[in-house]
Amino acid sequence: MRYISEYERHETKLRKIKNWLTLLAFTIIFIGLQGFYPFADLETLFLLMTGNLCILWVAWVDEDRRLFILTVMMMIAQLSRVGLI
């Protein structure tokens, strides 16, 4: 049996948290942008910003510049699509 260090255990736990947070963020953004049930502008803004900030945090922690830039671009596109900008 292979010994797993505390560092590896911590990294595995952090990776799982980031994966679930990313999935949750995508779901929150989808709910904010879906057109089946229209939300008020403030609720839509809250859902979009919460989801995008979660993705930005994951991109920052992973030092993933491409995901960070893509998320910022998509935030602008989403807010202009919803009509809040």
C-alpha atoms as a PDB file:
ATOM      1  CA  MET A   1       0.000   0.000   0.000  1.00  0.00           C
ATOM      2  CA  ARG A   2       1.333   3.399  -1.008  1.00  0.00           C
ATOM      3  CA  TYR A   3       1.807   6.015   1.695  1.00  0.00           C
ATOM      4  CA  ILE A   4      -0.116   9.236   1.045  1.00  0.00           C
ATOM      5  CA  SER A   5       1.453  12.259   2.643  1.00  0.00           C
ATOM      6  CA  GLU A   6      -0.553  14.946   4.377  1.00  0.00           C
ATOM      7  CA  TYR A   7       0.326  17.327   1.547  1.00  0.00           C
ATOM      8  CA  GLU A   8      -1.068  14.939  -1.094  1.00  0.00           C
ATOM      9  CA  ARG A   9      -4.194  14.399   0.990  1.00  0.00           C
ATOM     10  CA  HIS A  10      -4.679  18.167   1.276  1.00  0.00           C
ATOM     11  CA  GLU A  11      -4.176  18.642  -2.482  1.00  0.00           C
ATOM     12  CA  THR A  12      -6.702  15.906  -3.251  1.00  0.00           C
ATOM     13  CA  LYS A  13      -9.268  17.482  -0.936  1.00  0.00           C
ATOM     14  CA  LEU A  14      -8.669  20.939  -2.449  1.00  0.00           C
ATOM     15  CA  ARG A  15      -9.024  19.547  -5.980  1.00  0.00           C
ATOM     16  CA  LYS A  16     -12.371  17.960  -5.075  1.00  0.00           C
ATOM     17  CA  ILE A  17     -13.588  21.227  -3.536  1.00  0.00           C
ATOM     18  CA  LYS A  18     -12.552  23.167  -6.643  1.00  0.00           C
ATOM     19  CA  ASN A  19     -14.275  20.657  -8.931  1.00  0.00           C
ATOM     20  CA  TRP A  20     -17.548  20.811  -6.982  1.00  0.00           C
ATOM     21  CA  LEU A  21     -17.352  24.603  -6.702  1.00  0.00           C
ATOM     22  CA  THR A  22     -16.847  24.907 -10.455  1.00  0.00           C
ATOM     23  CA  LEU A  23     -19.818  22.646 -11.146  1.00  0.00           C
ATOM     24  CA  LEU A  24     -21.947  24.630  -8.681  1.00  0.00           C
ATOM     25  CA  ALA A  25     -20.844  27.907 -10.286  1.00  0.00           C
ATOM     26  CA  PHE A  26     -21.786  26.693 -13.773  1.00  0.00           C
ATOM     27  CA  THR A  27     -25.177  25.620 -12.435  1.00  0.00           C
ATOM     28  CA  ILE A  28     -25.755  28.984 -10.745  1.00  0.00           C
ATOM     29  CA  ILE A  29     -24.852  30.841 -13.936  1.00  0.00           C
ATOM     30  CA  PHE A  30     -27.151  28.588 -15.974  1.00  0.00           C
ATOM     31  CA  ILE A  31     -30.027  29.276 -13.590  1.00  0.00           C
ATOM     32  CA  GLY A  32     -29.368  33.008 -13.832  1.00  0.00           C
ATOM     33  CA  LEU A  33     -29.332  32.979 -17.641  1.00  0.00           C
ATOM     34  CA  GLN A  34     -32.122  30.518 -18.340  1.00  0.00           C
ATOM     35  CA  GLY A  35     -35.287  31.954 -19.829  1.00  0.00           C
ATOM     36  CA  PHE A  36     -37.897  29.529 -18.520  1.00  0.00           C
ATOM     37  CA  TYR A  37     -38.409  31.394 -15.255  1.00  0.00           C
ATOM     38  CA  PRO A  38     -37.541  35.094 -15.447  1.00  0.00           C
ATOM     39  CA  PHE A  39     -35.853  36.472 -12.354  1.00  0.00           C
ATOM     40  CA  ALA A  40     -35.757  40.098 -11.269  1.00  0.00           C
ATOM     41  CA  ASP A  41     -32.698  42.056 -12.365  1.00  0.00           C
ATOM     42  CA  LEU A  42     -31.172  42.024  -8.897  1.00  0.00           C
ATOM     43  CA  GLU A  43     -31.591  38.247  -8.537  1.00  0.00           C
ATOM     44  CA  THR A  44     -30.115  37.668 -11.982  1.00  0.00           C
ATOM     45  CA  LEU A  45     -27.160  39.922 -11.167  1.00  0.00           C
ATOM     46  CA  PHE A  46     -26.598  38.079  -7.877  1.00  0.00           C
ATOM     47  CA  LEU A  47     -26.634  34.650  -9.557  1.00  0.00           C
ATOM     48  CA  LEU A  48     -24.307  35.721 -12.374  1.00  0.00           C
ATOM     49  CA  MET A  49     -21.817  37.480 -10.134  1.00  0.00           C
ATOM     50  CA  THR A  50     -21.776  34.690  -7.542  1.00  0.00           C
ATOM     51  CA  GLY A  51     -21.160  32.004 -10.160  1.00  0.00           C
ATOM     52  CA  ASN A  52     -18.529  33.992 -12.004  1.00  0.00           C
ATOM     53  CA  LEU A  53     -16.690  34.981  -8.837  1.00  0.00           C
ATOM     54  CA  CYS A  54     -16.499  31.303  -7.849  1.00  0.00           C
ATOM     55  CA  ILE A  55     -14.970  30.467 -11.228  1.00  0.00           C
ATOM     56  CA  LEU A  56     -12.565  33.407 -10.942  1.00  0.00           C
ATOM     57  CA  TRP A  57     -11.435  32.133  -7.537  1.00  0.00           C
ATOM     58  CA  VAL A  58     -10.780  28.658  -8.940  1.00  0.00           C
ATOM     59  CA  ALA A  59      -8.841  30.164 -11.872  1.00  0.00           C
ATOM     60  CA  TRP A  60      -6.818  32.329  -9.460  1.00  0.00           C
ATOM     61  CA  VAL A  61      -5.955  29.411  -7.157  1.00  0.00           C
ATOM     62  CA  ASP A  62      -5.004  27.195 -10.106  1.00  0.00           C
ATOM     63  CA  GLU A  63      -3.084  30.085 -11.719  1.00  0.00           C
ATOM     64  CA  ASP A  64      -5.040  29.446 -14.917  1.00  0.00           C
ATOM     65  CA  ARG A  65      -4.831  32.682 -16.881  1.00  0.00           C
ATOM     66  CA  ARG A  66      -6.862  31.376 -19.798  1.00  0.00           C
ATOM     67  CA  LEU A  67      -9.833  30.474 -17.587  1.00  0.00           C
ATOM     68  CA  PHE A  68      -9.520  33.791 -15.740  1.00  0.00           C
ATOM     69  CA  ILE A  69      -9.564  35.860 -18.954  1.00  0.00           C
ATOM     70  CA  LEU A  70     -12.346  33.739 -20.455  1.00  0.00           C
ATOM     71  CA  THR A  71     -14.461  34.190 -17.320  1.00  0.00           C
ATOM     72  CA  VAL A  72     -13.980  37.971 -17.333  1.00  0.00           C
ATOM     73  CA  MET A  73     -14.967  38.082 -21.015  1.00  0.00           C
ATOM     74  CA  MET A  74     -18.010  35.900 -20.366  1.00  0.00           C
ATOM     75  CA  MET A  75     -19.033  38.091 -17.412  1.00  0.00           C
ATOM     76  CA  ILE A  76     -19.137  41.090 -19.736  1.00  0.00           C
ATOM     77  CA  ALA A  77     -21.073  39.112 -22.351  1.00  0.00           C
ATOM     78  CA  GLN A  78     -23.549  37.758 -19.794  1.00  0.00           C
ATOM     79  CA  LEU A  79     -24.207  41.134 -18.210  1.00  0.00           C
ATOM     80  CA  SER A  80     -24.679  42.796 -21.593  1.00  0.00           C
ATOM     81  CA  ARG A  81     -27.000  39.948 -22.690  1.00  0.00           C
ATOM     82  CA  VAL A  82     -29.144  40.303 -19.597  1.00  0.00           C
ATOM     83  CA  GLY A  83     -29.192  44.064 -20.127  1.00  0.00           C
ATOM     84  CA  LEU A  84     -27.583  45.117 -16.892  1.00  0.00           C
ATOM     85  CA  ILE A  85     -24.713  47.007 -18.531  1.00  0.00           C
END
